[in-house]
Protein backbone atom coordinates (compact mmCIF):
# COMPACT_ATOMS: atom_id res chain seq x y z
CA MET A 1 -11.36 -35.73 91.18
CA GLU A 2 -9.75 -38.75 89.49
CA ASN A 3 -12.14 -41.20 91.24
CA ALA A 4 -15.02 -39.82 89.15
CA SER A 5 -13.17 -40.34 85.86
CA SER A 6 -11.65 -43.30 84.08
CA VAL A 7 -9.69 -40.90 81.86
CA LYS A 8 -6.21 -40.27 83.31
CA GLU A 9 -4.90 -38.08 80.49
CA PHE A 10 -6.13 -36.05 77.55
CA ILE A 11 -4.79 -35.63 74.02
CA LEU A 12 -4.55 -32.04 72.77
CA LEU A 13 -5.17 -32.00 69.01
CA GLY A 14 -3.63 -28.52 68.73
CA LEU A 15 -4.02 -26.01 65.93
CA SER A 16 -3.16 -28.38 63.07
CA GLU A 17 -2.30 -32.03 62.44
CA ASN A 18 -0.23 -31.20 59.35
CA GLN A 19 3.48 -31.64 60.20
CA GLY A 20 4.61 -28.89 57.84
CA VAL A 21 2.16 -26.43 59.39
CA GLN A 22 3.23 -27.55 62.87
CA LYS A 23 6.90 -26.72 62.15
CA ILE A 24 5.93 -23.25 60.92
CA CYS A 25 3.71 -22.77 63.98
CA PHE A 26 6.56 -23.88 66.26
CA VAL A 27 8.87 -21.13 64.98
CA MET A 28 6.12 -18.52 64.89
CA PHE A 29 4.68 -19.13 68.37
CA LEU A 30 8.12 -19.57 69.94
CA LEU A 31 8.98 -16.11 68.58
CA PHE A 32 5.65 -14.74 69.85
CA TYR A 33 6.30 -16.15 73.32
CA MET A 34 9.86 -14.84 73.50
CA ILE A 35 8.69 -11.35 72.48
CA THR A 36 5.84 -11.54 75.02
CA VAL A 37 8.10 -12.46 77.93
CA ALA A 38 10.90 -10.05 76.95
CA GLY A 39 8.58 -7.09 76.22
CA ASN A 40 6.44 -7.43 79.33
CA LEU A 41 9.45 -8.13 81.55
CA LEU A 42 11.04 -4.95 80.22
CA ILE A 43 7.93 -2.97 81.23
CA VAL A 44 7.94 -4.52 84.72
CA ILE A 45 11.64 -3.70 85.25
CA THR A 46 11.24 -0.18 83.84
CA VAL A 47 8.28 0.69 86.08
CA ILE A 48 9.96 -0.76 89.17
CA ARG A 49 13.30 0.99 88.60
CA SER A 50 12.06 4.33 87.26
CA GLN A 51 11.24 7.01 89.84
CA ARG A 52 9.09 8.92 87.33
CA LEU A 53 6.76 5.97 86.73
CA ASN A 54 5.41 5.74 90.28
CA SER A 55 1.85 6.90 89.59
CA PRO A 56 -1.12 4.47 89.89
CA MET A 57 -1.41 4.25 86.08
CA TYR A 58 2.06 2.75 85.76
CA ILE A 59 1.65 0.54 88.82
CA PHE A 60 -1.41 -0.99 87.15
CA LEU A 61 0.53 -1.25 83.89
CA CYS A 62 3.26 -3.14 85.74
CA TYR A 63 0.71 -5.64 87.06
CA LEU A 64 -0.84 -5.96 83.61
CA ALA A 65 2.56 -6.80 82.10
CA PHE A 66 3.22 -9.35 84.86
CA LEU A 67 -0.20 -10.94 84.22
CA ASP A 68 0.54 -11.13 80.48
CA ILE A 69 3.70 -13.12 81.23
CA CYS A 70 1.83 -15.49 83.58
CA PHE A 71 -1.19 -15.82 81.30
CA SER A 72 0.79 -16.67 78.17
CA SER A 73 3.07 -19.02 80.16
CA VAL A 74 0.08 -21.18 81.12
CA THR A 75 -0.64 -22.17 77.50
CA ALA A 76 2.32 -21.25 75.25
CA PRO A 77 5.11 -23.62 76.49
CA LYS A 78 2.87 -26.70 76.25
CA MET A 79 1.51 -25.64 72.86
CA ILE A 80 5.02 -24.94 71.49
CA ALA A 81 6.37 -28.27 72.78
CA ASN A 82 3.44 -30.16 71.25
CA PHE A 83 4.34 -28.88 67.78
CA LEU A 84 7.48 -31.08 67.93
CA VAL A 85 6.10 -34.29 69.44
CA GLU A 86 3.65 -36.93 68.28
CA ASN A 87 2.37 -37.76 71.76
CA LYS A 88 0.47 -34.57 72.61
CA THR A 89 -0.87 -35.74 75.97
CA ILE A 90 -1.55 -33.86 79.18
CA SER A 91 -2.42 -35.52 82.48
CA PHE A 92 -5.85 -35.10 84.03
CA MET A 93 -4.47 -33.00 86.87
CA GLY A 94 -2.24 -31.05 84.47
CA CYS A 95 -5.30 -30.26 82.35
CA ILE A 96 -7.29 -29.06 85.37
CA ALA A 97 -4.30 -26.96 86.52
CA GLN A 98 -4.07 -25.38 83.06
CA LEU A 99 -7.80 -24.64 83.11
CA PHE A 100 -7.42 -22.96 86.51
CA GLY A 101 -4.41 -20.90 85.36
CA VAL A 102 -6.06 -19.66 82.17
CA HIS A 103 -9.16 -18.41 83.98
CA PHE A 104 -7.28 -17.12 87.03
CA PHE A 105 -4.80 -14.92 85.16
CA GLY A 106 -7.27 -14.09 82.37
CA CYS A 107 -10.02 -12.92 84.74
CA THR A 108 -7.54 -10.99 86.92
CA GLU A 109 -6.36 -9.20 83.79
CA ILE A 110 -9.95 -8.22 82.96
CA PHE A 111 -10.31 -6.69 86.42
CA ILE A 112 -6.96 -4.86 86.14
CA LEU A 113 -8.01 -3.39 82.77
CA THR A 114 -11.26 -2.22 84.39
CA VAL A 115 -9.36 -0.65 87.29
CA MET A 116 -7.08 1.12 84.79
CA ALA A 117 -10.15 2.65 83.11
CA TYR A 118 -11.39 3.90 86.47
CA ASP A 119 -7.95 5.39 87.18
CA ARG A 120 -7.99 7.32 83.88
CA CYS A 121 -11.56 8.46 84.55
CA VAL A 122 -10.60 9.91 87.94
CA ALA A 123 -7.41 11.49 86.55
CA ILE A 124 -9.26 13.31 83.75
CA CYS A 125 -12.60 14.08 85.40
CA ARG A 126 -11.39 14.92 88.92
CA PRO A 127 -7.74 15.95 88.57
CA LEU A 128 -7.72 18.04 91.79
CA HIS A 129 -8.91 15.07 93.86
CA TYR A 130 -6.82 12.44 92.05
CA THR A 131 -4.08 12.11 94.66
CA THR A 132 -6.59 11.77 97.50
CA LEU A 133 -8.77 9.24 95.67
CA MET A 134 -6.01 7.12 94.10
CA THR A 135 -3.73 6.64 97.10
CA ARG A 136 -1.29 3.74 97.36
CA ARG A 137 -3.66 2.11 99.84
CA ALA A 138 -6.60 2.43 97.44
CA CYS A 139 -4.51 1.07 94.55
CA GLY A 140 -3.39 -1.82 96.72
CA TRP A 141 -6.99 -2.73 97.54
CA MET A 142 -7.95 -2.55 93.85
CA VAL A 143 -5.10 -4.83 92.83
CA ALA A 144 -5.84 -7.25 95.69
CA GLY A 145 -9.52 -7.24 94.74
CA SER A 146 -8.58 -8.08 91.14
CA TRP A 147 -6.50 -11.08 92.25
CA VAL A 148 -9.21 -12.31 94.63
CA GLY A 149 -11.91 -11.85 91.98
CA GLY A 150 -9.83 -13.79 89.45
CA PHE A 151 -9.27 -16.59 91.96
CA VAL A 152 -12.95 -16.91 92.88
CA HIS A 153 -13.99 -16.96 89.22
CA SER A 154 -11.34 -19.55 88.35
CA ILE A 155 -12.11 -21.83 91.28
CA VAL A 156 -15.79 -21.89 90.27
CA GLN A 157 -14.92 -22.84 86.67
CA THR A 158 -12.39 -25.45 87.81
CA LEU A 159 -14.61 -27.14 90.41
CA LEU A 160 -17.59 -27.29 88.07
CA THR A 161 -15.49 -28.94 85.34
CA SER A 162 -13.25 -31.21 87.43
CA GLN A 163 -16.20 -32.87 89.21
CA LEU A 164 -17.64 -34.12 85.90
CA PRO A 165 -17.04 -37.77 84.96
CA PHE A 166 -14.77 -38.34 81.93
CA CYS A 167 -15.06 -41.88 80.52
CA GLY A 168 -13.71 -41.28 77.00
CA PRO A 169 -13.04 -40.20 74.33
CA ASN A 170 -10.14 -38.13 75.62
CA LYS A 171 -9.21 -36.04 72.57
CA ILE A 172 -9.53 -32.27 73.13
CA ASP A 173 -10.00 -30.29 69.92
CA HIS A 174 -7.95 -27.39 71.26
CA TYR A 175 -4.35 -26.43 72.09
CA PHE A 176 -5.05 -25.98 75.80
CA CYS A 177 -7.57 -27.22 78.37
CA ASP A 178 -10.60 -24.95 78.52
CA VAL A 179 -14.12 -25.28 79.85
CA HIS A 180 -16.09 -25.74 76.62
CA PRO A 181 -13.91 -28.49 75.08
CA LEU A 182 -13.94 -30.41 78.38
CA LEU A 183 -17.72 -30.11 78.75
CA GLN A 184 -18.10 -31.77 75.35
CA LEU A 185 -16.01 -34.76 76.53
CA ALA A 186 -17.87 -35.35 79.82
CA CYS A 187 -19.95 -38.55 79.83
CA THR A 188 -22.98 -36.93 81.46
CA ASP A 189 -25.50 -34.20 80.72
CA THR A 190 -23.58 -30.91 80.97
CA HIS A 191 -26.43 -28.58 80.01
CA ALA A 192 -26.86 -27.12 83.51
CA VAL A 193 -23.10 -26.76 84.03
CA GLY A 194 -22.78 -25.12 80.62
CA ILE A 195 -25.41 -22.53 81.53
CA ILE A 196 -23.66 -21.76 84.85
CA VAL A 197 -20.32 -21.40 83.04
CA ILE A 198 -21.78 -19.03 80.44
CA VAL A 199 -23.57 -16.95 83.10
CA ASN A 200 -20.43 -16.77 85.23
CA ASN A 201 -18.17 -15.80 82.33
CA GLY A 202 -20.74 -13.52 80.73
CA MET A 203 -21.54 -11.69 83.96
CA ILE A 204 -17.87 -10.86 84.57
CA THR A 205 -16.95 -10.02 80.98
CA LEU A 206 -20.02 -7.95 80.15
CA SER A 207 -20.21 -6.15 83.51
CA CYS A 208 -16.54 -5.13 83.28
CA PHE A 209 -17.02 -4.11 79.65
CA PHE A 210 -20.06 -2.05 80.68
CA ILE A 211 -17.99 -0.29 83.37
CA LEU A 212 -15.30 0.41 80.77
CA ILE A 213 -17.83 1.91 78.36
CA ILE A 214 -19.35 4.08 81.12
CA SER A 215 -15.87 5.25 82.17
CA TYR A 216 -15.01 6.39 78.66
CA ILE A 217 -18.39 8.06 78.14
CA VAL A 218 -17.77 10.05 81.35
CA ILE A 219 -14.28 10.91 80.08
CA LEU A 220 -15.65 12.13 76.72
CA VAL A 221 -18.26 14.27 78.45
CA ALA A 222 -15.59 15.76 80.73
CA LEU A 223 -13.38 16.54 77.71
CA LYS A 224 -16.07 18.75 76.13
CA SER A 225 -14.83 21.72 78.10
CA GLN A 226 -11.16 20.98 77.37
CA ASN A 227 -9.07 22.61 74.67
CA SER A 228 -7.34 20.70 71.88
CA GLU A 229 -4.23 20.19 74.01
CA GLY A 230 -6.33 18.60 76.76
CA TRP A 231 -7.99 16.33 74.21
CA HIS A 232 -4.62 15.27 72.82
CA ARG A 233 -3.19 14.56 76.28
CA ALA A 234 -6.24 12.56 77.33
CA LEU A 235 -6.36 10.52 74.14
CA SER A 236 -2.63 9.77 74.32
CA THR A 237 -3.07 8.18 77.75
CA CYS A 238 -6.40 6.48 77.01
CA GLY A 239 -5.73 5.38 73.42
CA SER A 240 -3.39 2.57 74.40
CA HIS A 241 -5.80 1.26 77.00
CA ILE A 242 -8.76 1.33 74.59
CA THR A 243 -6.72 -0.61 71.99
CA VAL A 244 -5.78 -3.30 74.53
CA VAL A 245 -9.39 -3.55 75.78
CA ILE A 246 -10.68 -4.13 72.24
CA LEU A 247 -8.01 -6.75 71.48
CA TYR A 248 -8.65 -8.60 74.74
CA PHE A 249 -12.39 -8.24 75.35
CA GLY A 250 -13.40 -8.94 71.75
CA PRO A 251 -12.21 -12.59 71.59
CA CYS A 252 -13.15 -13.27 75.25
CA THR A 253 -16.70 -12.04 74.70
CA PHE A 254 -17.00 -14.12 71.52
CA ILE A 255 -15.87 -17.35 73.23
CA TYR A 256 -17.22 -17.19 76.77
CA THR A 257 -20.59 -15.46 76.52
CA ARG A 258 -22.28 -18.00 74.28
CA PRO A 259 -22.61 -21.80 73.95
CA SER A 260 -19.64 -23.30 72.12
CA ILE A 261 -20.84 -24.71 68.79
CA ASN A 262 -17.66 -24.78 66.69
CA LEU A 263 -14.49 -25.63 68.66
CA SER A 264 -12.26 -25.12 65.61
CA GLU A 265 -13.55 -21.56 65.38
CA ASP A 266 -13.08 -21.05 69.13
CA LYS A 267 -9.46 -22.17 69.19
CA THR A 268 -8.60 -19.91 66.26
CA VAL A 269 -10.09 -16.92 68.09
CA SER A 270 -8.33 -18.01 71.32
CA VAL A 271 -4.96 -17.44 69.66
CA PHE A 272 -5.65 -13.69 69.70
CA TYR A 273 -6.10 -13.30 73.45
CA THR A 274 -3.65 -16.02 74.60
CA ALA A 275 -0.73 -15.33 72.25
CA ILE A 276 -1.10 -12.18 70.16
CA THR A 277 -2.58 -9.66 72.63
CA PRO A 278 0.00 -10.34 75.41
CA MET A 279 2.72 -9.85 72.78
CA LEU A 280 1.25 -6.59 71.44
CA ASN A 281 0.55 -4.98 74.84
CA PRO A 282 4.19 -3.85 75.47
CA LEU A 283 4.39 -2.42 71.94
CA ILE A 284 1.07 -0.59 72.30
CA TYR A 285 1.98 0.96 75.65
CA THR A 286 5.58 1.88 74.76
CA LEU A 287 4.96 3.26 71.25
CA ARG A 288 2.11 5.54 72.37
CA ASN A 289 3.45 6.65 75.75
CA LYS A 290 6.19 9.28 75.89
CA GLU A 291 6.92 8.77 79.60
CA VAL A 292 7.46 5.03 79.20
CA LYS A 293 9.70 5.60 76.16
CA SER A 294 11.68 8.22 78.07
CA ALA A 295 12.08 5.91 81.08
CA LEU A 296 13.20 3.07 78.80
CA ARG A 297 15.83 5.30 77.16
CA LYS A 298 17.12 6.47 80.55
CA LEU A 299 17.23 2.91 81.89
CA TRP A 300 19.03 1.68 78.80
CA GLY A 301 21.41 4.66 78.83
CA ARG A 302 22.19 4.05 82.51
CA LYS A 303 22.91 0.38 81.78
CA VAL A 304 25.15 1.15 78.79
CA GLY A 305 26.94 3.86 80.82
CA SER A 306 27.62 1.46 83.71
CA GLU A 307 28.92 -1.21 81.32
CA ASN A 308 31.25 1.33 79.63
CA GLY A 309 32.46 2.43 83.06
CA LYS A 310 33.38 -1.15 83.91
CA VAL A 311 35.26 -1.53 80.66
């Protein structure tokens, strides 16, 4: 890859060049990242250790929380560190690795969210057949398919971008390495590659979003015959998922399904799905889900009880 490029490193311009703003951003995004890791790790531990949270819905939630940790860890540490240094460089290979990680974990998360919608659709529309349709084997295949799909998507994006020649300039108007900023720096015509990237991203994002919409239309139709209690139960389990889908798919659709014209606008929107959404996911799922809250209280009570016993 490096033989095709004279550029050995890139400079990430970040969110702002103002030092005062950078210090504020350092504190703010460090706090965001700490909450993201702590909140999602708490969900992973709770689902793994709780016997009540062994249904497919919570298994998928566990994977979603794990993906949020991985996804935010690809961009946040480098961004946070760059707020404190003048030399905001990243090596060519480091940039390509970051590009791969962002699309790998991001796309896998899209597939997991789609699988979660299918799980809720089966649970509400075909409750008597739920256990036979959503077996551990079936869930395992869905999760494996999500990881494989994310990998294939990411490898396509990475290979298309890394094979381009980069002769300079090497300043990326972003806080992490992404496809559109790198395409603008390539010293060759990137029109064809840009179209392939948009089609690839758009096909995945829009097709998954279409499946999500269809799933929730089917759920709403099935709920017509339900009483108010059934409506309330269904909405309590689906409400959190719908909120997360909107927060995640909205920015992704805006950035990756169209040609990038304004990078400053793109990087501002990117903050939502790389930093804010992974932080909010644990809050959304714990505040609206009684079973998760109950499991958290039991886990915490068990831990406090064991510590008091030792004392």
